[in-house]
């Protein structure tokens, strides 16, 4: 299975992510997506495809709630999980 994901714009209202935190946020987002996809793969090991996923240039997610004191890693994990469920719709 191959998934290509490009996030052109990420809007985080009310959260101040500093430039030095972007790599941690990115890494956490990627790791969260990989973990969710791996869980999906393991749970459907006998299936020939991993469904339902969408092929769409735009993925809309439900709002996520982030506390301003959360780390970039925590924020990345929440975003990764939201994106995963967005592509599952």
C-alpha atoms as a PDB file:
ATOM      1  CA  UNK A   1       0.000   0.000   0.000  1.00  0.00           C
ATOM      2  CA  UNK A   2       1.234   3.457  -0.833  1.00  0.00           C
ATOM      3  CA  UNK A   3      -0.111   6.653   0.655  1.00  0.00           C
ATOM      4  CA  UNK A   4       1.070  10.046  -0.481  1.00  0.00           C
ATOM      5  CA  UNK A   5       0.190  12.882   1.809  1.00  0.00           C
ATOM      6  CA  UNK A   6       1.116  16.489   1.269  1.00  0.00           C
ATOM      7  CA  UNK A   7      -0.016  19.083   3.760  1.00  0.00           C
ATOM      8  CA  UNK A   8       0.278  22.435   2.067  1.00  0.00           C
ATOM      9  CA  UNK A   9      -1.260  24.517   4.816  1.00  0.00           C
ATOM     10  CA  UNK A  10      -1.787  23.646   8.437  1.00  0.00           C
ATOM     11  CA  UNK A  11      -3.887  26.125  10.379  1.00  0.00           C
ATOM     12  CA  UNK A  12      -3.558  26.050  14.158  1.00  0.00           C
ATOM     13  CA  UNK A  13      -5.764  28.740  15.634  1.00  0.00           C
ATOM     14  CA  UNK A  14      -4.765  29.883  19.084  1.00  0.00           C
ATOM     15  CA  UNK A  15      -1.560  27.848  19.215  1.00  0.00           C
ATOM     16  CA  UNK A  16       1.828  29.484  18.939  1.00  0.00           C
ATOM     17  CA  UNK A  17       4.170  27.012  17.247  1.00  0.00           C
ATOM     18  CA  UNK A  18       7.690  28.372  17.084  1.00  0.00           C
ATOM     19  CA  UNK A  19       9.981  27.670  14.135  1.00  0.00           C
ATOM     20  CA  UNK A  20      12.167  25.388  16.261  1.00  0.00           C
ATOM     21  CA  UNK A  21       9.097  23.253  17.099  1.00  0.00           C
ATOM     22  CA  UNK A  22       7.994  22.528  13.538  1.00  0.00           C
ATOM     23  CA  UNK A  23      10.246  19.489  13.091  1.00  0.00           C
ATOM     24  CA  UNK A  24       8.957  17.896  16.318  1.00  0.00           C
ATOM     25  CA  UNK A  25       5.373  18.577  15.247  1.00  0.00           C
ATOM     26  CA  UNK A  26       6.034  17.112  11.785  1.00  0.00           C
ATOM     27  CA  UNK A  27       7.731  14.012  13.178  1.00  0.00           C
ATOM     28  CA  UNK A  28       4.918  13.379  15.661  1.00  0.00           C
ATOM     29  CA  UNK A  29       2.297  13.807  12.937  1.00  0.00           C
ATOM     30  CA  UNK A  30       4.044  11.285  10.664  1.00  0.00           C
ATOM     31  CA  UNK A  31       4.569   8.796  13.507  1.00  0.00           C
ATOM     32  CA  UNK A  32       0.915   9.044  14.575  1.00  0.00           C
ATOM     33  CA  UNK A  33      -0.247   8.385  11.013  1.00  0.00           C
ATOM     34  CA  UNK A  34       2.142   5.445  10.631  1.00  0.00           C
ATOM     35  CA  UNK A  35       0.960   3.945  13.914  1.00  0.00           C
ATOM     36  CA  UNK A  36      -2.715   4.234  12.947  1.00  0.00           C
ATOM     37  CA  UNK A  37      -2.075   2.758   9.510  1.00  0.00           C
ATOM     38  CA  UNK A  38      -0.087  -0.092  11.049  1.00  0.00           C
ATOM     39  CA  UNK A  39      -2.957  -0.807  13.462  1.00  0.00           C
ATOM     40  CA  UNK A  40      -5.335  -0.863  10.488  1.00  0.00           C
ATOM     41  CA  UNK A  41      -3.046  -3.217   8.599  1.00  0.00           C
ATOM     42  CA  UNK A  42      -2.702  -5.623  11.513  1.00  0.00           C
ATOM     43  CA  UNK A  43      -6.434  -5.654  12.201  1.00  0.00           C
ATOM     44  CA  UNK A  44      -7.190  -6.423   8.557  1.00  0.00           C
ATOM     45  CA  UNK A  45      -4.257  -8.735   7.900  1.00  0.00           C
ATOM     46  CA  UNK A  46      -6.415 -11.174   5.948  1.00  0.00           C
ATOM     47  CA  UNK A  47      -8.017  -8.461   3.824  1.00  0.00           C
ATOM     48  CA  UNK A  48      -6.647  -7.708   0.383  1.00  0.00           C
ATOM     49  CA  UNK A  49      -7.199  -3.971   0.730  1.00  0.00           C
ATOM     50  CA  UNK A  50      -7.361  -1.522   3.551  1.00  0.00           C
ATOM     51  CA  UNK A  51     -10.742   0.107   3.214  1.00  0.00           C
ATOM     52  CA  UNK A  52     -12.414   2.479   3.467  1.00  0.00           C
ATOM     53  CA  UNK A  53      -9.883   5.117   2.505  1.00  0.00           C
ATOM     54  CA  UNK A  54     -10.509   7.972   0.156  1.00  0.00           C
ATOM     55  CA  UNK A  55      -8.518   9.319  -2.718  1.00  0.00           C
ATOM     56  CA  UNK A  56      -9.056  13.017  -2.477  1.00  0.00           C
ATOM     57  CA  UNK A  57      -6.861  16.061  -2.868  1.00  0.00           C
ATOM     58  CA  UNK A  58      -8.494  17.586   0.221  1.00  0.00           C
ATOM     59  CA  UNK A  59      -9.020  15.937   3.576  1.00  0.00           C
ATOM     60  CA  UNK A  60     -11.348  17.616   6.025  1.00  0.00           C
ATOM     61  CA  UNK A  61     -11.019  16.659   9.660  1.00  0.00           C
ATOM     62  CA  UNK A  62     -13.103  17.365  12.684  1.00  0.00           C
ATOM     63  CA  UNK A  63     -11.782  20.131  14.928  1.00  0.00           C
ATOM     64  CA  UNK A  64      -9.238  19.057  17.492  1.00  0.00           C
ATOM     65  CA  UNK A  65      -8.846  20.732  20.823  1.00  0.00           C
ATOM     66  CA  UNK A  66      -5.355  21.681  21.853  1.00  0.00           C
ATOM     67  CA  UNK A  67      -4.241  23.204  25.104  1.00  0.00           C
ATOM     68  CA  UNK A  68      -1.723  25.997  24.619  1.00  0.00           C
ATOM     69  CA  UNK A  69       0.615  24.278  27.074  1.00  0.00           C
ATOM     70  CA  UNK A  70       0.816  21.069  25.006  1.00  0.00           C
ATOM     71  CA  UNK A  71       4.115  20.222  23.375  1.00  0.00           C
ATOM     72  CA  UNK A  72       4.653  20.233  19.623  1.00  0.00           C
ATOM     73  CA  UNK A  73       4.842  16.436  19.837  1.00  0.00           C
ATOM     74  CA  UNK A  74       1.411  16.217  21.475  1.00  0.00           C
ATOM     75  CA  UNK A  75      -0.056  18.578  18.903  1.00  0.00           C
ATOM     76  CA  UNK A  76       1.485  16.544  16.066  1.00  0.00           C
ATOM     77  CA  UNK A  77      -0.018  13.336  17.446  1.00  0.00           C
ATOM     78  CA  UNK A  78      -3.475  14.894  17.623  1.00  0.00           C
ATOM     79  CA  UNK A  79      -3.183  16.224  14.081  1.00  0.00           C
ATOM     80  CA  UNK A  80      -1.937  12.851  12.822  1.00  0.00           C
ATOM     81  CA  UNK A  81      -4.891  11.069  14.381  1.00  0.00           C
ATOM     82  CA  UNK A  82      -7.321  13.626  12.942  1.00  0.00           C
ATOM     83  CA  UNK A  83      -5.842  13.266   9.457  1.00  0.00           C
ATOM     84  CA  UNK A  84      -6.057   9.470   9.715  1.00  0.00           C
ATOM     85  CA  UNK A  85      -9.772   9.611  10.529  1.00  0.00           C
ATOM     86  CA  UNK A  86     -10.223  12.238   7.815  1.00  0.00           C
ATOM     87  CA  UNK A  87      -8.872   9.887   5.141  1.00  0.00           C
ATOM     88  CA  UNK A  88     -11.018   7.067   6.513  1.00  0.00           C
ATOM     89  CA  UNK A  89     -14.250   8.975   5.827  1.00  0.00           C
END
